[in-house]
Amino acid sequence: MSTTDFHSLWTTAAEPLGRIPAPKIEYVQLAPVLIVVGAAVLGVLVEAVVPRRARYATQLFLSVVALACAFAAVVGLALTGHGTTKAQIAAMGAIAVDGPALFLQGTILLTSLVAVFTFAERRLDPAHHGHRVDSFAAEAAAVPGSEHEKAAVKAGFTTTEVFPLVLFAITGMLVFPAANDLLTLFIALEVFSLPLYLLCAVARRKRMLSQEAAVKYFLLGAFASAFLLFGIALLYGYAGSVSYARIADVVDGAVASVDPALAATMGNDVLLLIGFAMLLMGLLFKVGAVPFHMWTPDVYQGAPTPVTGFMAAATKVAAFGAMLRLLYVVLPGLRWDWRPVMWGVAILTMLAGAIVAITQTDIKRLLAYSSIAHAGFILAGVIAATPSGVSSTLFYLAAYSFVTVGAFAVVTLVRDAGGEATHLSKWAGLGRRSPLVAAVFAVFLLAFAGIPLTSGFSGKFAVFKAAAEGGAGALVVVGVIASAIAAFFYVRVIVLMFFSEPHPEGPTVAVPSPLTMTAIGVGVAVTLVLGLAPQYFLDLAGQAGVFVR
């Protein structure tokens, strides 16, 4: 090849290819997410530069302020019409800013704010070597029982990294129900899953059980993520795009132009059905629906109780929000294909959660199976496939999340020499030993059971009414039967607390700081307000029930 030929190659390669267009980002509409992720990054810097003795107060202040500001941003967006008339697709098609997204983000932020108070509690255990301790390991990297760990406890170390970790998890949860394409959905899933795997492993007491729970959650979560990613790949092959709107158009047959490179696979229903099934499997794993529930009782039992409460509430809200958007925006044309499958999943989930919970002797495992049953009840609203189905599901998620955080906050108070006394036998006579704590826990249990005048009754009535109107009357009958079964084990715990003799060597009820008292108080207040006067909040959920596409 001559020198001239080489020069021709160089000049061709050096020719300008034109300007790359700058991305258009709507920073105001994305403010809630940006505030929380910014605070999470600041939290990492705090761990690097702030003296150890000042980190706890700094991290708590930063987390609370960030979550409060993010919630204020959500309210501001809702008041300026971004949930209704100004609903739009932001971030170059990646994020939807509409009613369901704002409602779910507000619920996640408020629930997380209450949960962060339980993370920061430091008065439940006696002080170690003059230092107050929380629910988390003194030094997470230390081998349980090692001299390194003992030295960290003696020095008064605390794992304040949990605060930026929980903020990163909340960031993923805020994006997850608002994602408008499949890649954003997957990235959001990993952003909130990875911090949760870590948070499950850092319990101060019973560290081996905690680490076992984290490993189980990580391994099964990795499988679920793999299924979801494979489903995304198949749906891309089917539609030639990861955008929700584009996939919906291909499903409806409303596509004008076909990419020649994908012409052979586009419109192939096998890719659509298998891809959708795999995508749904990943989401059903996150909500803890049968048969993807195996991780739930072990992880709920082994994780630090504040983390369990946070996961049980916020993760469900985010995952059901993503499922609603997927089924109502992307796949409304496949309603006759996905409804029978979801019927089966909902029935199995309601019955399995309620029946297996009866056999449990650990309060955290009982609440875990209770959460599985509630996933089935929420699925009844999803299956309705009507506007009232969306609004009732949103309302149920809001009601359930606060009851859950409050219930797990109460569990942290009942303690013996080994830490939290979670075996049911130790709760005998709690109503006589500490009437107020037992009464508060009874209120939460009655809400879980769906007893009138509690938020649980309002939520169940709303989703069952929507399901019946959507043609799923038989599902409502199963739901009522499952609720009756579930009521048995909730009432059994109440009877155990108030009508059994307390053991002389039984556990004590720790006096918490105002942080945990606030978390429990908010839970009780929301439970009673949504039970006694639910109409305003049902109307709010109804106004927020329209997706943008």
Protein backbone atom coordinates (compact mmCIF):
# COMPACT_ATOMS: atom_id res chain seq x y z
CA MET A 1 0.00 0.00 0.00
CA SER A 2 1.40 3.41 -0.96
CA THR A 3 1.95 6.39 1.33
CA THR A 4 -0.90 8.18 -0.43
CA ASP A 5 -3.26 5.32 0.50
CA PHE A 6 -2.24 5.61 4.13
CA HIS A 7 -2.83 9.38 4.06
CA SER A 8 -6.27 8.82 2.58
CA LEU A 9 -7.11 6.50 5.51
CA TRP A 10 -5.91 9.06 8.06
CA THR A 11 -7.79 11.96 6.52
CA THR A 12 -10.99 9.91 6.29
CA ALA A 13 -10.71 8.85 9.93
CA ALA A 14 -9.96 12.41 11.02
CA GLU A 15 -13.00 13.96 9.37
CA PRO A 16 -15.47 15.34 11.91
CA LEU A 17 -18.51 13.08 12.38
CA GLY A 18 -20.82 15.89 13.48
CA ARG A 19 -21.88 17.03 16.93
CA ILE A 20 -23.20 14.49 19.40
CA PRO A 21 -26.50 15.90 20.69
CA ALA A 22 -26.47 16.68 24.40
CA PRO A 23 -29.03 14.73 26.43
CA LYS A 24 -32.08 16.66 27.55
CA ILE A 25 -32.63 16.09 31.26
CA GLU A 26 -35.62 17.54 33.13
CA TYR A 27 -33.88 18.19 36.44
CA VAL A 28 -36.94 19.60 38.21
CA GLN A 29 -39.08 16.57 37.39
CA LEU A 30 -36.28 14.24 38.50
CA ALA A 31 -35.56 16.23 41.68
CA PRO A 32 -36.79 13.57 44.17
CA VAL A 33 -34.41 10.96 42.77
CA LEU A 34 -31.50 13.40 42.38
CA ILE A 35 -31.83 14.66 45.97
CA VAL A 36 -31.67 11.14 47.43
CA VAL A 37 -28.79 9.92 45.24
CA GLY A 38 -26.90 13.15 45.95
CA ALA A 39 -27.32 12.59 49.69
CA ALA A 40 -26.15 8.97 49.28
CA VAL A 41 -22.96 10.14 47.58
CA LEU A 42 -22.45 12.75 50.30
CA GLY A 43 -22.95 9.99 52.86
CA VAL A 44 -20.07 8.03 51.31
CA LEU A 45 -17.88 11.15 51.56
CA VAL A 46 -18.93 11.59 55.20
CA GLU A 47 -17.58 8.11 55.94
CA ALA A 48 -14.28 9.14 54.38
CA VAL A 49 -13.70 12.58 55.91
CA VAL A 50 -15.81 13.07 59.05
CA PRO A 51 -14.30 11.90 62.39
CA ARG A 52 -15.78 8.60 63.58
CA ARG A 53 -17.43 10.07 66.68
CA ALA A 54 -19.42 12.57 64.59
CA ARG A 55 -20.51 10.25 61.77
CA TYR A 56 -23.68 8.90 63.35
CA ALA A 57 -25.26 12.32 63.94
CA THR A 58 -24.08 13.62 60.54
CA GLN A 59 -25.42 10.62 58.63
CA LEU A 60 -28.76 10.65 60.44
CA PHE A 61 -29.21 14.39 59.84
CA LEU A 62 -28.23 14.05 56.17
CA SER A 63 -30.59 11.11 55.60
CA VAL A 64 -33.59 12.71 57.29
CA VAL A 65 -33.13 16.06 55.53
CA ALA A 66 -32.64 14.39 52.14
CA LEU A 67 -35.76 12.22 52.46
CA ALA A 68 -37.84 15.16 53.72
CA CYS A 69 -36.66 17.39 50.85
CA ALA A 70 -37.28 14.64 48.29
CA PHE A 71 -40.83 14.18 49.63
CA ALA A 72 -41.37 17.95 49.44
CA ALA A 73 -40.22 17.79 45.80
CA VAL A 74 -42.76 15.01 45.09
CA VAL A 75 -45.54 17.08 46.68
CA GLY A 76 -44.43 20.11 44.65
CA LEU A 77 -44.57 18.14 41.41
CA ALA A 78 -48.01 16.78 42.27
CA LEU A 79 -49.37 20.26 43.14
CA THR A 80 -48.09 21.70 39.86
CA GLY A 81 -50.01 19.08 37.86
CA HIS A 82 -47.19 16.71 36.93
CA GLY A 83 -49.29 13.81 38.15
CA THR A 84 -52.23 14.70 35.90
CA THR A 85 -52.29 17.35 33.16
CA LYS A 86 -48.50 17.82 32.94
CA ALA A 87 -47.58 14.14 33.15
CA GLN A 88 -44.66 13.42 30.83
CA ILE A 89 -41.82 11.10 29.90
CA ALA A 90 -38.54 12.56 31.18
CA ALA A 91 -34.81 11.81 30.88
CA MET A 92 -34.96 11.08 27.14
CA GLY A 93 -37.67 8.46 27.52
CA ALA A 94 -36.21 6.65 30.54
CA ILE A 95 -38.43 7.91 33.38
CA ALA A 96 -42.18 8.49 33.55
CA VAL A 97 -43.37 11.40 35.70
CA ASP A 98 -47.08 10.74 36.21
CA GLY A 99 -49.65 10.10 38.91
CA PRO A 100 -48.74 6.51 39.86
CA ALA A 101 -45.01 7.32 39.85
CA LEU A 102 -45.41 10.34 42.15
CA PHE A 103 -47.84 8.54 44.48
CA LEU A 104 -45.53 5.55 44.84
CA GLN A 105 -42.43 7.73 45.24
CA GLY A 106 -44.15 9.72 47.98
CA THR A 107 -45.14 6.48 49.74
CA ILE A 108 -41.59 5.09 49.48
CA LEU A 109 -40.04 8.31 50.80
CA LEU A 110 -42.37 8.62 53.79
CA THR A 111 -42.04 4.92 54.64
CA SER A 112 -38.25 5.15 54.32
CA LEU A 113 -38.12 8.25 56.52
CA VAL A 114 -39.96 6.38 59.27
CA ALA A 115 -37.74 3.30 58.73
CA VAL A 116 -34.56 5.40 59.02
CA PHE A 117 -35.66 6.36 62.56
CA THR A 118 -35.57 2.65 63.48
CA PHE A 119 -32.12 2.33 61.85
CA ALA A 120 -30.85 5.11 64.13
CA GLU A 121 -32.23 3.68 67.40
CA ARG A 122 -29.44 3.31 70.01
CA ARG A 123 -31.20 2.87 73.35
CA LEU A 124 -32.62 -0.66 73.15
CA ASP A 125 -29.44 -2.55 74.11
CA PRO A 126 -27.43 -1.74 77.25
CA ALA A 127 -24.37 0.37 76.57
CA HIS A 128 -21.16 -1.52 75.75
CA HIS A 129 -18.00 -0.17 77.41
CA GLY A 130 -19.75 3.17 77.87
CA HIS A 131 -20.87 3.40 74.22
CA ARG A 132 -24.49 3.25 73.00
CA VAL A 133 -25.09 0.61 70.31
CA ASP A 134 -27.58 0.13 67.50
CA SER A 135 -28.87 -2.93 65.62
CA PHE A 136 -25.83 -3.19 63.35
CA ALA A 137 -22.44 -4.86 63.72
CA ALA A 138 -19.67 -2.79 65.25
CA GLU A 139 -17.51 -3.55 62.23
CA ALA A 140 -19.16 -5.41 59.40
CA ALA A 141 -15.87 -6.70 57.93
CA ALA A 142 -14.84 -8.41 61.20
CA VAL A 143 -15.32 -12.18 61.48
CA PRO A 144 -18.16 -12.93 63.94
CA GLY A 145 -16.77 -13.74 67.39
CA SER A 146 -13.20 -12.78 66.46
CA GLU A 147 -10.82 -10.66 68.50
CA HIS A 148 -11.14 -7.99 65.81
CA GLU A 149 -14.88 -7.77 66.40
CA LYS A 150 -14.44 -7.66 70.20
CA ALA A 151 -11.94 -4.81 69.83
CA ALA A 152 -14.37 -2.92 67.58
CA VAL A 153 -17.18 -3.33 70.13
CA LYS A 154 -14.92 -2.21 72.96
CA ALA A 155 -13.85 0.86 70.98
CA GLY A 156 -17.50 1.78 70.38
CA PHE A 157 -17.40 1.51 66.58
CA THR A 158 -20.70 1.64 64.68
CA THR A 159 -21.52 0.74 61.08
CA THR A 160 -22.79 4.17 60.02
CA GLU A 161 -22.37 3.07 56.39
CA VAL A 162 -25.92 1.72 56.66
CA PHE A 163 -27.26 5.25 56.09
CA PRO A 164 -25.74 5.84 52.62
CA LEU A 165 -26.56 2.22 51.76
CA VAL A 166 -30.22 2.73 52.58
CA LEU A 167 -30.23 5.97 50.57
CA PHE A 168 -28.84 4.15 47.53
CA ALA A 169 -31.53 1.48 47.99
CA ILE A 170 -34.22 4.19 48.16
CA THR A 171 -32.82 5.76 44.96
CA GLY A 172 -33.34 2.49 43.09
CA MET A 173 -36.81 2.11 44.57
CA LEU A 174 -37.80 5.61 43.41
CA VAL A 175 -36.73 4.84 39.84
CA PHE A 176 -38.13 1.29 39.71
CA PRO A 177 -41.89 2.09 39.50
CA ALA A 178 -41.20 5.13 37.27
CA ALA A 179 -38.95 3.33 34.74
CA ASN A 180 -40.21 3.73 31.18
CA ASP A 181 -37.85 1.32 29.46
CA LEU A 182 -36.59 -2.13 30.33
CA LEU A 183 -32.92 -1.19 30.80
CA THR A 184 -33.80 1.54 33.30
CA LEU A 185 -35.99 -1.01 35.07
CA PHE A 186 -33.08 -3.46 35.34
CA ILE A 187 -30.58 -0.84 36.50
CA ALA A 188 -33.02 0.40 39.16
CA LEU A 189 -33.54 -3.20 40.32
CA GLU A 190 -29.80 -3.70 40.84
CA VAL A 191 -29.34 -0.28 42.47
CA PHE A 192 -31.80 -1.11 45.24
CA SER A 193 -31.03 -4.84 45.49
CA LEU A 194 -27.27 -4.68 46.03
CA PRO A 195 -27.44 -2.41 49.12
CA LEU A 196 -30.18 -4.63 50.57
CA TYR A 197 -27.96 -7.72 50.24
CA LEU A 198 -25.34 -5.90 52.32
CA LEU A 199 -27.78 -4.50 54.87
CA CYS A 200 -29.15 -8.00 55.57
CA ALA A 201 -25.67 -9.19 56.62
CA VAL A 202 -24.75 -6.63 59.28
CA ALA A 203 -26.86 -7.56 62.32
CA ARG A 204 -25.08 -6.90 65.62
CA ARG A 205 -26.44 -10.06 67.26
CA LYS A 206 -26.87 -13.50 65.65
CA ARG A 207 -24.39 -12.47 62.99
CA MET A 208 -24.07 -15.93 61.43
CA LEU A 209 -27.85 -16.11 60.92
CA SER A 210 -27.73 -12.61 59.44
CA GLN A 211 -24.95 -13.50 57.02
CA GLU A 212 -26.74 -16.71 56.03
CA ALA A 213 -29.86 -14.65 55.25
CA ALA A 214 -27.81 -12.25 53.12
CA VAL A 215 -26.22 -15.10 51.13
CA LYS A 216 -29.63 -16.70 50.48
CA TYR A 217 -31.09 -13.37 49.41
CA PHE A 218 -28.11 -12.64 47.17
CA LEU A 219 -28.11 -16.04 45.43
CA LEU A 220 -31.85 -16.16 44.82
CA GLY A 221 -31.88 -12.47 43.91
CA ALA A 222 -29.15 -13.12 41.33
CA PHE A 223 -31.28 -15.87 39.77
CA ALA A 224 -34.29 -13.53 39.67
CA SER A 225 -32.18 -10.76 38.09
CA ALA A 226 -30.89 -13.21 35.49
CA PHE A 227 -34.44 -14.26 34.57
CA LEU A 228 -35.48 -10.62 34.31
CA LEU A 229 -32.48 -9.75 32.12
CA PHE A 230 -33.09 -12.72 29.83
CA GLY A 231 -36.72 -11.64 29.54
CA ILE A 232 -35.57 -8.13 28.58
CA ALA A 233 -33.35 -9.61 25.84
CA LEU A 234 -36.23 -11.66 24.42
CA LEU A 235 -38.61 -8.68 24.48
CA TYR A 236 -35.99 -6.60 22.68
CA GLY A 237 -35.79 -9.30 20.03
CA TYR A 238 -39.57 -9.22 19.76
CA ALA A 239 -40.07 -5.46 19.56
CA GLY A 240 -36.70 -4.11 18.40
CA SER A 241 -36.73 -1.70 21.36
CA VAL A 242 -36.62 -1.64 25.14
CA SER A 243 -39.03 1.32 25.32
CA TYR A 244 -42.38 0.53 26.95
CA ALA A 245 -44.34 2.51 24.35
CA ARG A 246 -42.58 0.81 21.41
CA ILE A 247 -43.17 -2.69 22.85
CA ALA A 248 -46.84 -1.84 23.45
CA ASP A 249 -47.18 -0.63 19.84
CA VAL A 250 -45.67 -3.86 18.49
CA VAL A 251 -48.00 -5.91 20.70
CA ASP A 252 -50.96 -3.91 19.36
CA GLY A 253 -49.72 -4.18 15.75
CA ALA A 254 -49.45 -0.39 15.44
CA VAL A 255 -45.86 -0.20 14.14
CA ALA A 256 -45.32 1.53 10.78
CA SER A 257 -41.61 0.85 10.24
CA VAL A 258 -39.64 -2.33 10.96
CA ASP A 259 -35.88 -2.44 11.54
CA PRO A 260 -34.46 -4.71 8.77
CA ALA A 261 -31.97 -6.26 11.20
CA LEU A 262 -34.83 -7.37 13.45
CA ALA A 263 -37.42 -8.14 10.79
CA ALA A 264 -37.00 -11.91 11.26
CA THR A 265 -37.83 -11.83 14.97
CA MET A 266 -40.13 -8.83 15.38
CA GLY A 267 -43.68 -9.87 16.06
CA ASN A 268 -42.69 -13.42 17.07
CA ASP A 269 -45.20 -14.28 19.80
CA VAL A 270 -42.95 -16.97 21.27
CA LEU A 271 -40.36 -14.32 22.14
CA LEU A 272 -43.06 -12.09 23.56
CA LEU A 273 -44.66 -14.72 25.79
CA ILE A 274 -41.44 -16.27 27.08
CA GLY A 275 -39.81 -12.85 27.56
CA PHE A 276 -42.82 -11.51 29.41
CA ALA A 277 -42.99 -14.61 31.63
CA MET A 278 -39.31 -14.22 32.60
CA LEU A 279 -39.77 -10.51 33.27
CA LEU A 280 -42.75 -11.26 35.48
CA MET A 281 -40.78 -13.90 37.39
CA GLY A 282 -38.19 -11.29 38.37
CA LEU A 283 -40.90 -8.94 39.67
CA LEU A 284 -42.84 -11.68 41.47
CA PHE A 285 -39.62 -12.62 43.27
CA LYS A 286 -39.29 -9.07 44.61
CA VAL A 287 -42.88 -8.97 45.90
CA GLY A 288 -42.48 -12.42 47.51
CA ALA A 289 -45.28 -14.14 45.59
CA VAL A 290 -45.61 -17.94 45.49
CA PRO A 291 -43.72 -19.86 44.06
CA PHE A 292 -40.94 -17.23 44.24
CA HIS A 293 -41.30 -16.65 47.99
CA MET A 294 -38.71 -19.11 49.34
CA TRP A 295 -36.27 -16.38 50.40
CA THR A 296 -38.79 -14.31 52.36
CA PRO A 297 -39.07 -16.08 55.77
CA ASP A 298 -35.34 -16.83 56.09
CA VAL A 299 -34.26 -13.31 55.07
CA TYR A 300 -36.87 -11.57 57.22
CA GLN A 301 -35.81 -13.65 60.23
CA GLY A 302 -32.04 -13.27 59.77
CA ALA A 303 -31.77 -9.62 58.71
CA PRO A 304 -31.56 -6.84 61.34
CA THR A 305 -35.16 -6.06 62.26
CA PRO A 306 -35.02 -2.38 61.10
CA VAL A 307 -33.82 -3.64 57.70
CA THR A 308 -36.59 -6.26 57.64
CA GLY A 309 -39.23 -3.60 58.24
CA PHE A 310 -37.76 -1.35 55.56
CA MET A 311 -37.54 -4.19 53.02
CA ALA A 312 -41.00 -5.55 53.76
CA ALA A 313 -42.59 -2.14 53.19
CA ALA A 314 -40.60 -0.18 50.63
CA THR A 315 -39.52 -3.06 48.36
CA LYS A 316 -43.13 -4.20 47.95
CA VAL A 317 -44.26 -0.70 47.03
CA ALA A 318 -41.53 -0.33 44.39
CA ALA A 319 -41.98 -3.82 42.90
CA PHE A 320 -45.77 -3.64 42.67
CA GLY A 321 -45.47 -0.18 41.11
CA ALA A 322 -43.16 -1.55 38.43
CA MET A 323 -45.53 -4.49 37.86
CA LEU A 324 -48.52 -2.18 37.46
CA ARG A 325 -46.72 -0.08 34.85
CA LEU A 326 -45.55 -3.15 32.96
CA LEU A 327 -49.00 -4.78 32.83
CA TYR A 328 -51.07 -1.63 32.23
CA VAL A 329 -48.74 0.31 29.90
CA VAL A 330 -46.70 -2.31 28.03
CA LEU A 331 -48.96 -5.34 27.89
CA PRO A 332 -52.62 -4.30 28.01
CA GLY A 333 -53.01 -6.10 24.66
CA LEU A 334 -51.96 -9.36 26.35
CA ARG A 335 -54.54 -9.15 29.10
CA TRP A 336 -56.13 -12.47 28.18
CA ASP A 337 -52.71 -14.13 28.37
CA TRP A 338 -51.42 -12.74 31.66
CA ARG A 339 -54.62 -12.66 33.71
CA PRO A 340 -55.05 -16.48 34.01
CA VAL A 341 -51.41 -16.82 35.09
CA MET A 342 -51.76 -14.05 37.67
CA TRP A 343 -54.99 -15.61 38.92
CA GLY A 344 -53.10 -18.79 39.74
CA VAL A 345 -50.21 -16.91 41.36
CA ALA A 346 -52.57 -14.76 43.47
CA ILE A 347 -54.59 -17.75 44.73
CA LEU A 348 -51.46 -19.75 45.62
CA THR A 349 -49.90 -16.71 47.30
CA MET A 350 -52.93 -15.87 49.44
CA LEU A 351 -53.56 -19.44 50.59
CA ALA A 352 -49.93 -20.52 51.07
CA GLY A 353 -49.03 -17.37 53.02
CA ALA A 354 -52.06 -17.66 55.31
CA ILE A 355 -51.89 -21.44 55.91
CA VAL A 356 -48.13 -21.74 56.49
CA ALA A 357 -48.17 -18.72 58.85
CA ILE A 358 -50.34 -20.75 61.26
CA THR A 359 -47.44 -23.15 61.89
CA GLN A 360 -44.85 -20.47 62.69
CA THR A 361 -43.40 -20.03 66.18
CA ASP A 362 -41.14 -17.04 65.43
CA ILE A 363 -42.77 -13.61 65.24
CA LYS A 364 -40.54 -12.43 62.37
CA ARG A 365 -41.24 -15.57 60.30
CA LEU A 366 -44.94 -15.17 61.04
CA LEU A 367 -44.85 -11.61 59.73
CA ALA A 368 -42.88 -12.85 56.71
CA TYR A 369 -45.63 -15.31 55.75
CA SER A 370 -48.15 -12.58 56.51
CA SER A 371 -46.37 -10.38 53.94
CA ILE A 372 -46.60 -13.22 51.40
CA ALA A 373 -50.37 -13.45 51.95
CA HIS A 374 -50.66 -9.67 51.56
CA ALA A 375 -48.79 -9.88 48.25
CA GLY A 376 -51.62 -12.15 47.10
CA PHE A 377 -54.26 -9.66 48.25
CA ILE A 378 -52.49 -6.84 46.39
CA LEU A 379 -52.31 -9.02 43.26
CA ALA A 380 -56.13 -9.17 43.34
CA GLY A 381 -56.16 -5.41 42.69
CA VAL A 382 -53.53 -5.75 39.94
CA ILE A 383 -55.59 -8.48 38.21
CA ALA A 384 -58.67 -6.25 38.08
CA ALA A 385 -57.17 -4.54 35.00
CA THR A 386 -59.36 -1.45 35.52
CA PRO A 387 -58.68 2.13 36.72
CA SER A 388 -60.15 1.20 40.12
CA GLY A 389 -57.69 -1.71 40.21
CA VAL A 390 -54.78 0.72 39.94
CA SER A 391 -56.10 3.16 42.53
CA SER A 392 -57.03 0.43 45.04
CA THR A 393 -53.59 -1.15 44.68
CA LEU A 394 -51.91 2.21 45.29
CA PHE A 395 -54.02 2.78 48.39
CA TYR A 396 -53.34 -0.74 49.74
CA LEU A 397 -49.58 -0.29 49.26
CA ALA A 398 -49.62 3.01 51.16
CA ALA A 399 -51.66 1.53 54.02
CA TYR A 400 -49.67 -1.71 54.24
CA SER A 401 -46.24 -0.06 54.22
CA PHE A 402 -46.79 2.00 57.39
CA VAL A 403 -48.39 -0.88 59.29
CA THR A 404 -45.40 -3.06 58.41
CA VAL A 405 -42.72 -0.59 59.51
CA GLY A 406 -44.62 0.01 62.76
CA ALA A 407 -45.04 -3.71 63.48
CA PHE A 408 -41.35 -4.48 63.00
CA ALA A 409 -40.46 -1.43 65.12
CA VAL A 410 -42.49 -2.96 67.97
CA VAL A 411 -40.66 -6.29 67.51
CA THR A 412 -37.36 -4.52 68.24
CA LEU A 413 -38.61 -3.48 71.70
CA VAL A 414 -39.27 -6.96 73.17
CA ARG A 415 -35.86 -8.17 74.33
CA ASP A 416 -34.09 -10.66 76.55
CA ALA A 417 -30.42 -11.35 77.30
CA GLY A 418 -29.84 -12.58 73.73
CA GLY A 419 -31.32 -9.50 72.07
CA GLU A 420 -34.75 -9.49 70.43
CA ALA A 421 -37.11 -12.12 71.86
CA THR A 422 -38.79 -13.27 68.66
CA HIS A 423 -40.06 -16.71 69.76
CA LEU A 424 -43.81 -16.53 70.26
CA SER A 425 -43.68 -18.28 73.64
CA LYS A 426 -41.75 -15.30 75.01
CA TRP A 427 -44.57 -12.92 74.06
CA ALA A 428 -46.95 -14.66 76.48
CA GLY A 429 -48.40 -12.20 78.97
CA LEU A 430 -46.85 -9.18 77.26
CA GLY A 431 -50.17 -7.33 77.69
CA ARG A 432 -49.80 -7.53 81.47
CA ARG A 433 -46.11 -6.70 81.49
CA SER A 434 -46.36 -3.78 79.08
CA PRO A 435 -49.99 -2.99 78.17
CA LEU A 436 -49.20 -0.06 75.86
CA VAL A 437 -46.72 -1.95 73.65
CA ALA A 438 -49.04 -4.97 73.45
CA ALA A 439 -52.01 -2.73 72.56
CA VAL A 440 -50.05 -1.01 69.79
CA PHE A 441 -48.92 -4.35 68.37
CA ALA A 442 -52.53 -5.58 68.57
CA VAL A 443 -53.63 -2.60 66.47
CA PHE A 444 -51.08 -3.53 63.80
CA LEU A 445 -52.14 -7.19 63.88
CA LEU A 446 -55.81 -6.22 63.52
CA ALA A 447 -54.87 -4.05 60.55
CA PHE A 448 -53.03 -6.98 58.96
CA ALA A 449 -56.15 -9.10 59.56
CA GLY A 450 -58.35 -6.51 57.84
CA ILE A 451 -60.59 -5.77 60.83
CA PRO A 452 -62.95 -2.76 60.30
CA LEU A 453 -61.80 0.69 61.49
CA THR A 454 -58.21 -0.08 60.48
CA SER A 455 -56.37 0.72 57.25
CA GLY A 456 -56.15 -3.01 56.48
CA PHE A 457 -59.93 -3.26 56.16
CA SER A 458 -60.12 -0.20 53.87
CA GLY A 459 -57.32 -1.56 51.67
CA LYS A 460 -58.74 -5.08 51.39
CA PHE A 461 -62.24 -3.78 50.71
CA ALA A 462 -60.89 -1.54 47.93
CA VAL A 463 -58.86 -4.25 46.14
CA PHE A 464 -61.57 -6.90 46.49
CA LYS A 465 -64.23 -4.48 45.20
CA ALA A 466 -62.01 -3.62 42.21
CA ALA A 467 -61.34 -7.32 41.52
CA ALA A 468 -65.06 -8.15 41.66
CA GLU A 469 -65.89 -5.29 39.27
CA GLY A 470 -63.10 -6.52 36.95
CA GLY A 471 -64.68 -9.97 36.65
CA ALA A 472 -62.56 -11.74 39.26
CA GLY A 473 -65.34 -12.60 41.70
CA ALA A 474 -64.00 -16.10 42.35
CA LEU A 475 -60.65 -14.58 43.32
CA VAL A 476 -62.41 -12.38 45.87
CA VAL A 477 -64.02 -15.47 47.44
CA VAL A 478 -60.58 -17.09 47.80
CA GLY A 479 -59.23 -13.83 49.21
CA VAL A 480 -61.95 -13.68 51.87
CA ILE A 481 -61.26 -17.30 52.86
CA ALA A 482 -57.52 -16.58 53.06
CA SER A 483 -58.24 -13.47 55.16
CA ALA A 484 -60.30 -15.58 57.57
CA ILE A 485 -57.45 -18.10 57.89
CA ALA A 486 -54.96 -15.28 58.41
CA ALA A 487 -57.15 -13.68 61.08
CA PHE A 488 -56.73 -16.86 63.14
CA PHE A 489 -53.00 -16.50 63.65
CA TYR A 490 -53.19 -12.74 64.20
CA VAL A 491 -55.83 -13.19 66.90
CA ARG A 492 -53.79 -16.07 68.36
CA VAL A 493 -50.91 -13.68 69.03
CA ILE A 494 -53.28 -11.13 70.61
CA VAL A 495 -54.74 -13.84 72.87
CA LEU A 496 -51.21 -14.96 73.78
CA MET A 497 -50.26 -11.40 74.77
CA PHE A 498 -53.36 -10.53 76.82
CA PHE A 499 -54.77 -13.81 78.14
CA SER A 500 -51.64 -15.81 79.05
CA GLU A 501 -49.65 -15.67 82.24
CA PRO A 502 -46.29 -13.91 81.82
CA HIS A 503 -43.20 -16.02 82.52
CA PRO A 504 -41.13 -14.79 85.49
CA GLU A 505 -37.97 -15.02 83.38
CA GLY A 506 -39.68 -13.61 80.32
CA PRO A 507 -38.37 -10.76 78.18
CA THR A 508 -38.52 -7.10 79.06
CA VAL A 509 -39.78 -4.24 76.92
CA ALA A 510 -37.02 -1.75 76.25
CA VAL A 511 -37.75 1.96 76.50
CA PRO A 512 -36.88 3.38 73.06
CA SER A 513 -35.66 6.81 72.08
CA PRO A 514 -38.05 9.34 70.48
CA LEU A 515 -36.92 8.00 67.07
CA THR A 516 -38.54 4.57 67.42
CA MET A 517 -41.48 6.09 69.32
CA THR A 518 -42.04 8.38 66.32
CA ALA A 519 -41.91 5.42 63.90
CA ILE A 520 -44.46 3.47 65.93
CA GLY A 521 -46.63 6.54 66.49
CA VAL A 522 -46.75 7.35 62.79
CA GLY A 523 -47.65 3.72 62.03
CA VAL A 524 -50.55 3.77 64.51
CA ALA A 525 -51.77 7.17 63.30
CA VAL A 526 -51.77 6.16 59.62
CA THR A 527 -53.45 2.83 60.47
CA LEU A 528 -56.31 4.55 62.30
CA VAL A 529 -56.70 7.53 59.92
CA LEU A 530 -56.85 5.33 56.81
CA GLY A 531 -59.27 3.05 58.63
CA LEU A 532 -61.62 5.68 60.05
CA ALA A 533 -61.53 8.26 57.22
CA PRO A 534 -60.12 6.60 54.09
CA GLN A 535 -62.13 8.46 51.46
CA TYR A 536 -59.75 11.40 50.93
CA PHE A 537 -56.82 9.05 50.41
CA LEU A 538 -58.85 6.75 48.15
CA ASP A 539 -59.73 9.81 46.04
CA LEU A 540 -56.07 10.83 46.02
CA ALA A 541 -55.08 7.36 44.78
CA GLY A 542 -57.87 7.54 42.18
CA GLN A 543 -56.56 10.87 40.85
CA ALA A 544 -53.04 9.40 40.73
CA GLY A 545 -54.11 6.24 38.89
CA VAL A 546 -53.52 7.31 35.28
CA PHE A 547 -50.29 6.23 33.57
CA VAL A 548 -48.54 8.35 30.94
CA ARG A 549 -47.36 6.59 27.80
